[in-house]
């Protein structure tokens, strides 16, 4: 077992990598046990409180993932300091690729945006009751039009924000650098 340094969103939480061996040294399994604290949204949603925050994370992952890790689970551990902490456990697959939109041309960026939107839509579609959602939305195109209107307004706001940023840079009010 070894402590793992976590990413920016998890600073201050504990994370462990566990090496387990099967029948011999050629049958390794790497698991990650990552501390799960209460969601930052919990205080604002008024929803039910979860007895185990690791279970909350696992439940969310199972809702949005097409296929979950067979080792995905949760536990509660009392540390050497006597404090109890919740963890979720998963197989360690540190094969993340990083998309670099700033290096993409317009066509590739457009494809990348569509791929991100498709993945997000599928994850959201898995997390709700399709019959209840369809009944709520009804048969008209009212929701489609509202969503399109919101997207256009959001894009317009992004353009205004970018213009304000550019003006602040040009006036010397702020300093910016391309990376």
Protein backbone atom coordinates (compact mmCIF):
# COMPACT_ATOMS: atom_id res chain seq x y z
CA UNK A 1 0.00 0.00 0.00
CA UNK A 2 1.31 3.48 -0.86
CA UNK A 3 -0.12 6.96 -0.54
CA UNK A 4 -0.92 8.59 -3.89
CA UNK A 5 -0.80 12.29 -4.66
CA UNK A 6 -4.22 13.36 -5.91
CA UNK A 7 -5.32 15.95 -8.45
CA UNK A 8 -6.36 19.54 -7.84
CA UNK A 9 -10.01 18.70 -7.19
CA UNK A 10 -9.08 16.27 -4.43
CA UNK A 11 -6.41 18.25 -2.57
CA UNK A 12 -6.47 17.48 1.13
CA UNK A 13 -8.03 14.05 0.76
CA UNK A 14 -6.35 10.73 1.29
CA UNK A 15 -5.74 8.36 -1.57
CA UNK A 16 -4.04 4.99 -1.44
CA UNK A 17 -2.84 2.56 -4.08
CA UNK A 18 -3.05 -1.06 -3.05
CA UNK A 19 -1.09 -3.81 -4.77
CA UNK A 20 -2.73 -7.20 -4.46
CA UNK A 21 -1.27 -10.37 -5.89
CA UNK A 22 -3.22 -13.33 -7.20
CA UNK A 23 -1.73 -16.75 -7.67
CA UNK A 24 1.81 -15.33 -8.07
CA UNK A 25 3.82 -12.15 -8.82
CA UNK A 26 2.62 -12.25 -12.42
CA UNK A 27 -1.01 -11.80 -11.35
CA UNK A 28 -1.13 -8.26 -9.90
CA UNK A 29 -4.18 -6.13 -9.20
CA UNK A 30 -3.86 -2.42 -8.44
CA UNK A 31 -6.72 -0.82 -6.54
CA UNK A 32 -7.19 2.80 -5.58
CA UNK A 33 -8.90 3.74 -2.32
CA UNK A 34 -9.84 7.41 -2.47
CA UNK A 35 -11.32 9.41 0.40
CA UNK A 36 -14.82 10.70 -0.22
CA UNK A 37 -16.11 13.64 1.77
CA UNK A 38 -19.56 15.18 1.69
CA UNK A 39 -20.47 16.83 -1.60
CA UNK A 40 -20.03 20.61 -1.67
CA UNK A 41 -23.60 20.74 -2.98
CA UNK A 42 -25.08 18.85 0.00
CA UNK A 43 -25.62 21.96 2.10
CA UNK A 44 -27.56 23.62 -0.74
CA UNK A 45 -29.74 20.80 -2.03
CA UNK A 46 -31.68 19.80 1.06
CA UNK A 47 -31.63 16.21 -0.14
CA UNK A 48 -31.02 13.11 1.91
CA UNK A 49 -27.70 12.82 3.71
CA UNK A 50 -25.64 9.74 2.91
CA UNK A 51 -24.35 7.53 5.72
CA UNK A 52 -21.22 6.74 3.70
CA UNK A 53 -19.78 9.25 1.24
CA UNK A 54 -17.92 6.52 -0.63
CA UNK A 55 -21.23 4.84 -1.31
CA UNK A 56 -22.62 8.19 -2.55
CA UNK A 57 -19.76 8.44 -5.08
CA UNK A 58 -20.14 4.81 -6.20
CA UNK A 59 -23.91 5.21 -6.63
CA UNK A 60 -23.34 8.28 -8.82
CA UNK A 61 -20.69 6.54 -10.90
CA UNK A 62 -22.91 3.52 -11.45
CA UNK A 63 -25.73 5.80 -12.58
CA UNK A 64 -23.73 7.58 -15.27
CA UNK A 65 -21.31 4.91 -16.50
CA UNK A 66 -22.33 2.46 -19.19
CA UNK A 67 -20.17 -0.23 -17.60
CA UNK A 68 -18.80 0.13 -14.10
CA UNK A 69 -15.56 -1.23 -12.74
CA UNK A 70 -16.24 -4.67 -11.24
CA UNK A 71 -14.08 -3.68 -8.25
CA UNK A 72 -16.01 -0.46 -7.59
CA UNK A 73 -17.06 -0.32 -3.96
CA UNK A 74 -16.87 1.65 -0.73
CA UNK A 75 -15.67 1.27 2.83
CA UNK A 76 -15.28 3.13 6.11
CA UNK A 77 -11.88 3.11 7.82
CA UNK A 78 -10.72 4.38 11.19
CA UNK A 79 -7.27 5.91 10.77
CA UNK A 80 -4.30 5.89 13.13
CA UNK A 81 -5.55 9.26 14.37
CA UNK A 82 -8.81 7.61 15.51
CA UNK A 83 -10.87 9.53 12.94
CA UNK A 84 -13.27 7.61 10.69
CA UNK A 85 -13.17 8.30 6.97
CA UNK A 86 -15.21 7.10 4.00
CA UNK A 87 -13.48 5.80 0.89
CA UNK A 88 -14.49 4.50 -2.49
CA UNK A 89 -12.42 1.79 -4.09
CA UNK A 90 -11.84 1.14 -7.75
CA UNK A 91 -9.36 -0.53 -10.03
CA UNK A 92 -6.46 1.80 -10.78
CA UNK A 93 -6.30 2.60 -14.48
CA UNK A 94 -3.97 5.53 -14.81
CA UNK A 95 -4.17 5.65 -18.59
CA UNK A 96 -5.87 8.99 -18.92
CA UNK A 97 -5.38 10.92 -22.10
CA UNK A 98 -5.61 14.68 -22.06
CA UNK A 99 -7.34 16.49 -24.87
CA UNK A 100 -5.69 19.77 -25.82
CA UNK A 101 -8.40 21.90 -27.47
CA UNK A 102 -5.97 24.81 -27.89
CA UNK A 103 -4.04 22.72 -30.43
CA UNK A 104 -7.11 21.71 -32.45
CA UNK A 105 -8.25 23.27 -35.67
CA UNK A 106 -11.92 24.27 -36.09
CA UNK A 107 -13.02 20.94 -37.60
CA UNK A 108 -11.34 18.78 -34.94
CA UNK A 109 -12.53 21.12 -32.17
CA UNK A 110 -16.08 20.82 -33.46
CA UNK A 111 -15.83 17.01 -33.50
CA UNK A 112 -14.35 17.05 -29.99
CA UNK A 113 -17.19 19.27 -28.73
CA UNK A 114 -19.78 16.91 -30.26
CA UNK A 115 -18.07 13.92 -28.64
CA UNK A 116 -18.07 15.66 -25.22
CA UNK A 117 -21.74 16.59 -25.64
CA UNK A 118 -22.67 13.06 -26.64
CA UNK A 119 -20.86 11.55 -23.64
CA UNK A 120 -22.48 14.05 -21.28
CA UNK A 121 -25.93 13.45 -22.77
CA UNK A 122 -25.55 9.67 -22.45
CA UNK A 123 -24.41 9.98 -18.83
CA UNK A 124 -27.38 12.21 -18.00
CA UNK A 125 -29.75 9.93 -19.90
CA UNK A 126 -28.64 6.99 -17.74
CA UNK A 127 -29.25 8.86 -14.50
CA UNK A 128 -32.96 9.45 -14.90
CA UNK A 129 -36.12 7.50 -15.49
CA UNK A 130 -36.66 7.72 -19.26
CA UNK A 131 -40.43 7.23 -19.03
CA UNK A 132 -40.83 9.94 -16.37
CA UNK A 133 -38.60 12.32 -18.35
CA UNK A 134 -40.48 11.70 -21.59
CA UNK A 135 -43.81 12.24 -19.83
CA UNK A 136 -42.53 15.46 -18.27
CA UNK A 137 -41.19 16.82 -21.57
CA UNK A 138 -44.29 15.85 -23.55
CA UNK A 139 -44.56 15.53 -27.30
CA UNK A 140 -43.98 19.15 -28.34
CA UNK A 141 -40.71 20.78 -29.31
CA UNK A 142 -41.02 23.35 -26.49
CA UNK A 143 -38.10 21.90 -24.50
CA UNK A 144 -35.94 21.64 -27.63
CA UNK A 145 -36.61 25.29 -28.44
CA UNK A 146 -35.90 26.37 -24.84
CA UNK A 147 -32.63 24.44 -24.81
CA UNK A 148 -31.58 25.96 -28.14
CA UNK A 149 -32.48 29.45 -26.92
CA UNK A 150 -30.42 28.91 -23.76
CA UNK A 151 -27.45 27.63 -25.80
CA UNK A 152 -27.53 30.71 -28.05
CA UNK A 153 -27.80 33.06 -25.06
CA UNK A 154 -24.92 31.25 -23.37
CA UNK A 155 -22.77 31.50 -26.51
CA UNK A 156 -23.58 35.21 -26.79
CA UNK A 157 -22.55 35.71 -23.14
CA UNK A 158 -19.27 33.87 -23.81
CA UNK A 159 -18.58 36.22 -26.72
CA UNK A 160 -19.32 39.28 -24.53
CA UNK A 161 -17.06 37.91 -21.79
CA UNK A 162 -14.26 37.34 -24.30
CA UNK A 163 -14.66 40.87 -25.68
CA UNK A 164 -14.45 42.27 -22.13
CA UNK A 165 -11.34 40.19 -21.44
CA UNK A 166 -9.71 41.34 -24.67
CA UNK A 167 -10.54 44.99 -23.89
CA UNK A 168 -9.09 44.64 -20.37
CA UNK A 169 -5.89 43.18 -21.85
CA UNK A 170 -5.61 45.90 -24.49
CA UNK A 171 -6.14 48.69 -21.95
CA UNK A 172 -3.48 47.24 -19.64
CA UNK A 173 -5.98 46.71 -16.82
CA UNK A 174 -4.96 43.05 -16.70
CA UNK A 175 -2.05 41.06 -18.06
CA UNK A 176 -2.62 37.84 -19.96
CA UNK A 177 -0.30 35.44 -21.71
CA UNK A 178 -0.95 32.70 -24.23
CA UNK A 179 0.24 29.30 -23.11
